Amino acid sequence: MEQVIKLTTAEALAVKQMWSEIFFEDSQTFTDYYFAEKMKDNIGYGVTSDNALRAMLFLTPYTGRIYAPDREGRLFQDVPLYYIVGVGTQKEYRHRGYMDRLLRHCLHDMYESGRPFTFLMPADPAIYTPYQFRYIYDRPVFHVVWRGENRGSVMEAGEEEALARFAGEQLEARYHFYLKRDASYYRRQKKESLAQGGDIYLWKRQGEIAGFYLYAKENGKEEIQEAIVSKELAAQDALQISDQTRPVIMARITNAAAMLSLMRLKGQQGQTVTVTLKLSDPLIRGNNGTFLWTVGEKESTIALLEKNSKAEVSVRIDALTEFIFGRKSSEECFDDMELDCQRNGPQGGVYERLSKIRTLSRSFINEIV
């Protein structure tokens, strides 16, 4: 009998051999690090057949920081999120729909727990596109100019607090969404970098951190996985960022009401906009319906309307994801429901109203696992 189960922590830790067989390209050092440091915090799902685990999927918890000013004066909201990792099936049990069952199960659980969206780094985007995942983040190519002191110094124990403070200040000033960093984040990241044959390097000016980068060297290949520098240090050309980028992170909205409640206007003083939209989601039933979306500078509400209510626009869950993260315009994502929906009214046409909403186009997600 085949069934989807939720793994206990002990069961999750016991899949190490299966993990190594499926993700054979990972080094043993990295796998050892992952199971020692991260697996114990993961939420695991599996499919059993013939009284044994045959497929697996894990959710790694992160705290997202989203720019969503509120009436208490906070600019950023801490939002619990899950990063989907370790999706795999034993070779002889593939093509039986196990991954489909795992994805549907975990997406439903995330809807029920109010997680606004989930994200992953796909081995192949074609696997996740049918589940309405879309790219939301393109990683720049970082290049450190190896010249004299430009290499920086290795982060030592005890410097995590200062690094977290520096990173937080820089990220809040530049981005609308990123994953929260604290001292424990960088203690773990240090171990991750070492497991990848690299380290964390710091640039300092007058004893204060002015920049850092995450260096990795696996299978003879060097990579700067992330780098952040102050404006002052950037002017000294220690770091080069290529104009070339590559898409690396896909996401999917899992609870539309939770996601839309985090949106704000672009600073329209004292204004609100309202849009009636019909949302369709082929996988998560609770996301379907016609909603009244009211967006202001410091608050956003979403109300489910009666079944036969008219909507100005319709949108699919994948297109809504692309709009929220600034990948496409409102005209590209939302479809007219009425011939006169673009007529000017007190708030302007519907696309004009939607264009007033601040999207999460400035995002920063370089986490690997």
Protein backbone atom coordinates (compact mmCIF):
# COMPACT_ATOMS: atom_id res chain seq x y z
CA MET A 1 0.00 0.00 0.00
CA GLU A 2 1.30 3.45 -0.95
CA GLN A 3 0.70 6.44 1.30
CA VAL A 4 2.03 9.94 2.03
CA ILE A 5 3.35 10.33 5.55
CA LYS A 6 4.84 13.11 7.61
CA LEU A 7 8.28 12.13 8.84
CA THR A 8 9.36 12.34 12.43
CA THR A 9 12.73 13.97 13.13
CA ALA A 10 14.26 10.52 13.63
CA GLU A 11 12.82 9.31 10.31
CA ALA A 12 14.10 12.42 8.53
CA LEU A 13 17.61 11.90 9.87
CA ALA A 14 17.46 8.24 8.82
CA VAL A 15 17.12 9.06 5.09
CA LYS A 16 20.79 10.02 4.78
CA GLN A 17 21.73 6.96 2.71
CA MET A 18 18.76 7.48 0.39
CA TRP A 19 19.68 11.18 0.10
CA SER A 20 23.26 10.30 -0.88
CA GLU A 21 22.04 7.87 -3.55
CA ILE A 22 19.61 10.37 -5.10
CA PHE A 23 21.77 13.49 -4.77
CA PHE A 24 25.04 11.77 -5.58
CA GLU A 25 26.56 15.00 -6.90
CA ASP A 26 26.68 16.41 -3.34
CA SER A 27 29.97 15.83 -1.60
CA GLN A 28 30.00 13.64 1.50
CA THR A 29 31.29 16.61 3.46
CA PHE A 30 28.30 18.73 2.45
CA THR A 31 25.82 15.90 3.11
CA ASP A 32 27.32 15.36 6.57
CA TYR A 33 26.98 19.09 7.27
CA TYR A 34 23.38 19.17 6.06
CA PHE A 35 22.23 16.28 8.22
CA ALA A 36 24.12 17.54 11.26
CA GLU A 37 22.94 21.15 11.02
CA LYS A 38 19.74 21.51 9.02
CA MET A 39 17.83 18.26 8.75
CA LYS A 40 16.85 18.27 12.42
CA ASP A 41 14.87 21.49 11.85
CA ASN A 42 13.20 20.39 8.62
CA ILE A 43 9.64 19.21 8.13
CA GLY A 44 9.76 16.02 6.12
CA TYR A 45 7.22 14.21 3.94
CA GLY A 46 7.55 10.82 2.35
CA VAL A 47 5.79 8.22 0.25
CA THR A 48 6.00 4.65 1.50
CA SER A 49 5.59 1.55 -0.62
CA ASP A 50 6.35 -2.07 0.23
CA ASN A 51 6.72 -0.96 3.86
CA ALA A 52 9.65 1.33 3.11
CA LEU A 53 10.25 4.99 2.26
CA ARG A 54 10.56 5.47 -1.51
CA ALA A 55 10.23 9.25 -2.06
CA MET A 56 10.89 12.32 0.07
CA LEU A 57 10.44 16.08 0.27
CA PHE A 58 11.59 18.48 2.97
CA LEU A 59 10.64 21.98 4.05
CA THR A 60 13.38 24.12 5.54
CA PRO A 61 12.00 26.91 7.75
CA TYR A 62 13.15 30.48 7.14
CA THR A 63 11.91 33.84 8.31
CA GLY A 64 11.21 36.23 5.46
CA ARG A 65 11.49 39.98 5.93
CA ILE A 66 8.92 41.78 3.76
CA TYR A 67 8.61 45.55 3.42
CA ALA A 68 5.07 46.13 4.64
CA PRO A 69 4.75 49.26 6.83
CA ASP A 70 2.06 48.98 9.49
CA ARG A 71 0.21 51.30 11.83
CA GLU A 72 2.59 50.49 14.70
CA GLY A 73 5.48 52.04 12.78
CA ARG A 74 7.23 48.85 11.72
CA LEU A 75 8.59 48.92 8.19
CA PHE A 76 9.30 45.20 7.74
CA GLN A 77 7.18 42.23 8.75
CA ASP A 78 8.68 38.89 9.80
CA VAL A 79 6.92 36.14 7.86
CA PRO A 80 7.44 32.37 8.39
CA LEU A 81 8.29 30.64 5.10
CA TYR A 82 9.38 27.24 3.85
CA TYR A 83 12.11 26.46 1.33
CA ILE A 84 11.37 23.18 -0.51
CA VAL A 85 14.46 20.95 -0.70
CA GLY A 86 15.44 17.32 -1.06
CA VAL A 87 12.67 16.33 -3.47
CA GLY A 88 13.64 12.87 -4.70
CA THR A 89 12.49 9.35 -5.45
CA GLN A 90 14.43 6.10 -5.49
CA LYS A 91 15.33 5.26 -9.07
CA GLU A 92 13.26 2.08 -9.36
CA TYR A 93 10.15 3.84 -7.98
CA ARG A 94 10.13 6.87 -10.27
CA HIS A 95 7.34 7.79 -12.72
CA ARG A 96 4.63 6.64 -10.29
CA GLY A 97 3.40 10.10 -9.36
CA TYR A 98 5.10 10.19 -5.96
CA MET A 99 6.50 13.69 -6.39
CA ASP A 100 3.08 14.93 -7.47
CA ARG A 101 1.52 13.56 -4.28
CA LEU A 102 4.25 15.06 -2.09
CA LEU A 103 4.00 18.51 -3.64
CA ARG A 104 0.23 18.63 -3.43
CA HIS A 105 0.29 17.47 0.18
CA CYS A 106 2.86 20.00 1.39
CA LEU A 107 1.26 22.87 -0.57
CA HIS A 108 -2.07 22.13 1.09
CA ASP A 109 -0.39 22.07 4.51
CA MET A 110 1.23 25.44 3.84
CA TYR A 111 -2.14 26.89 2.86
CA GLU A 112 -3.68 25.59 6.08
CA SER A 113 -0.87 27.05 8.20
CA GLY A 114 -1.17 30.47 6.53
CA ARG A 115 2.24 30.52 4.81
CA PRO A 116 1.94 33.18 2.09
CA PHE A 117 4.30 31.51 -0.37
CA THR A 118 7.00 28.90 -0.72
CA PHE A 119 10.18 28.84 -2.79
CA LEU A 120 12.80 26.46 -4.17
CA MET A 121 15.90 26.24 -6.35
CA PRO A 122 14.91 23.90 -9.19
CA ALA A 123 17.20 21.34 -10.73
CA ASP A 124 14.91 21.68 -13.76
CA PRO A 125 12.23 24.42 -13.91
CA ALA A 126 10.09 22.24 -16.17
CA ILE A 127 9.40 19.97 -13.19
CA TYR A 128 7.78 22.75 -11.15
CA THR A 129 6.13 24.92 -13.79
CA PRO A 130 3.04 22.63 -13.96
CA TYR A 131 2.61 23.26 -10.21
CA GLN A 132 2.41 27.01 -10.86
CA PHE A 133 5.94 27.80 -9.63
CA ARG A 134 7.51 30.75 -11.43
CA TYR A 135 10.92 32.38 -11.27
CA ILE A 136 11.09 35.32 -8.88
CA TYR A 137 14.83 35.93 -8.41
CA ASP A 138 17.82 36.23 -10.74
CA ARG A 139 21.19 35.91 -9.07
CA PRO A 140 23.93 38.28 -10.20
CA VAL A 141 27.39 36.98 -10.95
CA PHE A 142 29.78 38.24 -8.27
CA HIS A 143 33.49 38.63 -8.86
CA VAL A 144 35.97 39.66 -6.17
CA VAL A 145 39.01 41.55 -7.41
CA TRP A 146 41.84 39.56 -5.86
CA ARG A 147 44.25 42.40 -5.28
CA GLY A 148 46.21 42.86 -2.05
CA GLU A 149 43.88 43.34 0.91
CA ASN A 150 40.83 43.16 -1.34
CA ARG A 151 40.54 39.46 -0.55
CA GLY A 152 39.42 40.39 2.96
CA SER A 153 39.85 38.39 6.14
CA VAL A 154 38.20 35.14 7.21
CA MET A 155 35.30 35.64 9.61
CA GLU A 156 36.37 34.57 13.07
CA ALA A 157 34.23 33.19 15.88
CA GLY A 158 32.48 36.02 17.68
CA GLU A 159 32.05 38.20 14.59
CA GLU A 160 28.62 36.80 13.68
CA GLU A 161 26.70 39.47 15.59
CA ALA A 162 28.47 42.32 13.83
CA LEU A 163 28.04 40.64 10.44
CA ALA A 164 24.31 40.08 11.04
CA ARG A 165 23.90 43.72 12.04
CA PHE A 166 25.77 44.94 8.94
CA ALA A 167 23.84 42.63 6.59
CA GLY A 168 20.49 43.58 8.10
CA GLU A 169 21.17 47.30 7.71
CA GLN A 170 22.27 46.90 4.09
CA LEU A 171 19.41 44.60 3.10
CA GLU A 172 16.71 46.75 4.71
CA ALA A 173 18.01 49.78 2.87
CA ARG A 174 18.04 48.10 -0.55
CA TYR A 175 15.40 45.39 -0.78
CA HIS A 176 11.70 44.74 -0.27
CA PHE A 177 12.16 41.05 0.54
CA TYR A 178 15.02 38.98 1.91
CA LEU A 179 15.57 36.14 4.36
CA LYS A 180 16.31 37.23 7.91
CA ARG A 181 19.89 36.99 9.10
CA ASP A 182 21.05 36.84 12.71
CA ALA A 183 24.14 35.57 14.51
CA SER A 184 22.97 31.94 14.44
CA TYR A 185 22.33 32.27 10.68
CA TYR A 186 25.98 33.17 10.08
CA ARG A 187 27.31 30.57 12.50
CA ARG A 188 25.51 27.97 10.41
CA GLN A 189 26.49 29.64 7.14
CA LYS A 190 30.13 29.47 8.20
CA LYS A 191 29.81 25.68 8.55
CA GLU A 192 28.02 25.48 5.19
CA SER A 193 30.74 27.46 3.44
CA LEU A 194 33.46 25.29 4.99
CA ALA A 195 31.57 22.16 3.87
CA GLN A 196 31.72 23.56 0.33
CA GLY A 197 35.47 24.10 0.49
CA GLY A 198 35.13 27.83 1.14
CA ASP A 199 34.59 30.35 3.92
CA ILE A 200 33.05 33.70 4.80
CA TYR A 201 35.33 36.66 4.10
CA LEU A 202 34.95 40.13 5.58
CA TRP A 203 36.13 43.50 4.37
CA LYS A 204 36.74 45.99 7.16
CA ARG A 205 37.39 49.70 7.28
CA GLN A 206 38.64 51.27 10.52
CA GLY A 207 37.77 48.11 12.39
CA GLU A 208 34.13 47.99 11.20
CA ILE A 209 32.64 45.54 8.70
CA ALA A 210 32.19 47.24 5.33
CA GLY A 211 31.35 44.18 3.25
CA PHE A 212 31.45 40.40 3.03
CA TYR A 213 31.17 37.52 0.60
CA LEU A 214 30.47 33.80 0.73
CA TYR A 215 33.14 31.81 -1.08
CA ALA A 216 32.80 28.18 -2.17
CA LYS A 217 35.08 25.84 -4.07
CA GLU A 218 33.61 22.46 -4.96
CA ASN A 219 34.96 20.04 -7.56
CA GLY A 220 37.61 22.59 -8.44
CA LYS A 221 35.02 25.26 -9.30
CA GLU A 222 35.19 28.58 -7.45
CA GLU A 223 32.05 30.61 -6.83
CA ILE A 224 31.09 33.74 -4.93
CA GLN A 225 27.59 32.76 -3.80
CA GLU A 226 26.73 36.10 -2.25
CA ALA A 227 28.36 39.45 -1.61
CA ILE A 228 27.20 42.66 0.05
CA VAL A 229 29.29 45.81 0.38
CA SER A 230 28.67 49.29 1.70
CA LYS A 231 28.44 52.17 -0.76
CA GLU A 232 31.83 53.42 0.43
CA LEU A 233 33.51 50.08 -0.20
CA ALA A 234 31.74 49.61 -3.52
CA ALA A 235 33.42 52.77 -4.76
CA GLN A 236 36.82 51.14 -4.15
CA ASP A 237 36.17 48.40 -6.69
CA ALA A 238 36.82 45.43 -4.39
CA LEU A 239 33.74 43.72 -5.78
CA GLN A 240 32.46 43.50 -9.31
CA ILE A 241 28.91 42.50 -10.15
CA SER A 242 28.33 41.34 -13.68
CA ASP A 243 25.39 42.67 -15.65
CA GLN A 244 24.75 39.04 -16.42
CA THR A 245 22.26 37.28 -14.14
CA ARG A 246 20.72 33.83 -14.07
CA PRO A 247 17.32 32.80 -12.72
CA VAL A 248 17.79 30.63 -9.64
CA ILE A 249 14.74 30.82 -7.35
CA MET A 250 11.16 29.85 -8.16
CA ALA A 251 8.18 30.54 -5.89
CA ARG A 252 4.50 29.81 -5.60
CA ILE A 253 1.83 31.60 -3.58
CA THR A 254 0.37 29.08 -1.13
CA ASN A 255 -2.10 31.24 0.81
CA ALA A 256 -3.34 34.09 -1.37
CA ALA A 257 -5.08 35.99 1.43
CA ALA A 258 -1.92 35.96 3.56
CA MET A 259 0.18 37.07 0.58
CA LEU A 260 -2.10 39.88 -0.55
CA SER A 261 -2.39 41.20 3.01
CA LEU A 262 1.34 42.00 2.91
CA MET A 263 1.10 44.31 -0.09
CA ARG A 264 1.18 48.10 0.26
CA LEU A 265 0.82 51.14 -1.97
CA LYS A 266 3.90 52.92 -3.26
CA GLY A 267 3.52 55.76 -0.77
CA GLN A 268 0.27 57.33 -1.96
CA GLN A 269 -0.30 59.55 1.06
CA GLY A 270 -3.55 58.64 2.80
CA GLN A 271 -4.93 56.79 -0.20
CA THR A 272 -6.36 53.32 -0.68
CA VAL A 273 -7.20 51.42 -3.83
CA THR A 274 -9.71 48.62 -4.23
CA VAL A 275 -9.81 45.90 -6.86
CA THR A 276 -12.28 43.05 -7.24
CA LEU A 277 -10.47 40.03 -8.62
CA LYS A 278 -11.38 36.46 -9.45
CA LEU A 279 -8.54 34.13 -8.48
CA SER A 280 -8.10 30.60 -9.78
CA ASP A 281 -5.76 27.97 -8.32
CA PRO A 282 -5.88 24.41 -9.71
CA LEU A 283 -4.16 22.87 -6.67
CA ILE A 284 -5.30 24.77 -3.57
CA ARG A 285 -9.07 25.02 -3.40
CA GLY A 286 -9.11 27.67 -0.67
CA ASN A 287 -7.38 30.18 -2.94
CA ASN A 288 -10.24 30.13 -5.45
CA GLY A 289 -12.95 32.75 -5.41
CA THR A 290 -13.83 36.37 -6.04
CA PHE A 291 -12.17 38.78 -3.62
CA LEU A 292 -12.31 42.45 -2.74
CA TRP A 293 -8.71 43.59 -2.29
CA THR A 294 -8.22 46.89 -0.48
CA VAL A 295 -4.65 48.22 -0.37
CA GLY A 296 -3.32 51.21 1.54
CA GLU A 297 0.02 52.56 2.69
CA LYS A 298 0.01 50.69 5.99
CA GLU A 299 -2.62 48.01 5.63
CA SER A 300 -4.05 45.59 3.10
CA THR A 301 -7.20 43.52 3.48
CA ILE A 302 -8.73 40.78 1.40
CA ALA A 303 -12.40 39.77 1.66
CA LEU A 304 -14.08 36.80 -0.01
CA LEU A 305 -17.19 37.89 -1.90
CA GLU A 306 -20.30 35.88 -2.64
CA LYS A 307 -19.98 33.20 -5.28
CA ASN A 308 -21.75 35.09 -8.10
CA SER A 309 -20.12 38.47 -7.42
CA LYS A 310 -18.73 40.31 -10.41
CA ALA A 311 -14.98 40.89 -10.70
CA GLU A 312 -13.07 43.53 -12.61
CA VAL A 313 -10.18 41.22 -13.42
CA SER A 314 -9.30 37.56 -13.20
CA VAL A 315 -5.88 36.12 -12.41
CA ARG A 316 -4.31 32.69 -12.11
CA ILE A 317 -2.18 31.89 -9.07
CA ASP A 318 1.01 31.64 -11.14
CA ALA A 319 0.38 35.01 -12.80
CA LEU A 320 -0.38 36.55 -9.40
CA THR A 321 3.01 35.28 -8.17
CA GLU A 322 4.72 36.95 -11.12
CA PHE A 323 2.90 40.22 -10.43
CA ILE A 324 3.61 40.22 -6.68
CA PHE A 325 7.34 39.73 -7.29
CA GLY A 326 7.50 42.32 -10.03
CA ARG A 327 8.30 39.92 -12.86
CA LYS A 328 5.42 41.08 -15.07
CA SER A 329 3.12 44.06 -15.26
CA SER A 330 -0.52 44.07 -14.19
CA GLU A 331 -1.59 44.16 -17.85
CA GLU A 332 0.39 40.96 -18.48
CA CYS A 333 -0.94 39.15 -15.40
CA PHE A 334 -4.58 40.18 -14.97
CA ASP A 335 -7.32 39.57 -17.55
CA ASP A 336 -10.30 41.88 -18.12
CA MET A 337 -13.60 40.59 -16.85
CA GLU A 338 -15.71 43.49 -18.14
CA LEU A 339 -15.46 45.54 -21.31
CA ASP A 340 -15.59 48.76 -19.33
CA CYS A 341 -13.21 47.74 -16.55
CA GLN A 342 -10.57 50.24 -17.66
CA ARG A 343 -12.91 53.23 -17.58
CA ASN A 344 -11.72 56.03 -15.35
CA GLY A 345 -13.43 56.32 -12.00
CA PRO A 346 -12.62 57.92 -8.63
CA GLN A 347 -9.53 55.67 -8.35
CA GLY A 348 -8.71 55.43 -12.05
CA GLY A 349 -8.81 52.36 -14.29
CA VAL A 350 -8.17 48.95 -12.79
CA TYR A 351 -4.69 48.61 -14.32
CA GLU A 352 -3.83 52.09 -13.13
CA ARG A 353 -4.91 51.08 -9.62
CA LEU A 354 -2.90 47.87 -9.72
CA SER A 355 0.18 49.81 -10.86
CA LYS A 356 0.05 51.80 -7.60
CA ILE A 357 0.80 48.67 -5.56
CA ARG A 358 4.42 48.18 -4.52
CA THR A 359 5.63 44.76 -5.64
CA LEU A 360 8.52 42.73 -4.22
CA SER A 361 10.66 43.28 -7.30
CA ARG A 362 13.69 44.08 -5.17
CA SER A 363 14.28 40.66 -3.62
CA PHE A 364 17.45 38.98 -2.37
CA ILE A 365 17.56 35.17 -2.00
CA ASN A 366 20.95 33.48 -2.33
CA GLU A 367 20.42 30.59 0.08
CA ILE A 368 21.41 27.24 -1.44
CA VAL A 369 19.57 24.85 0.91
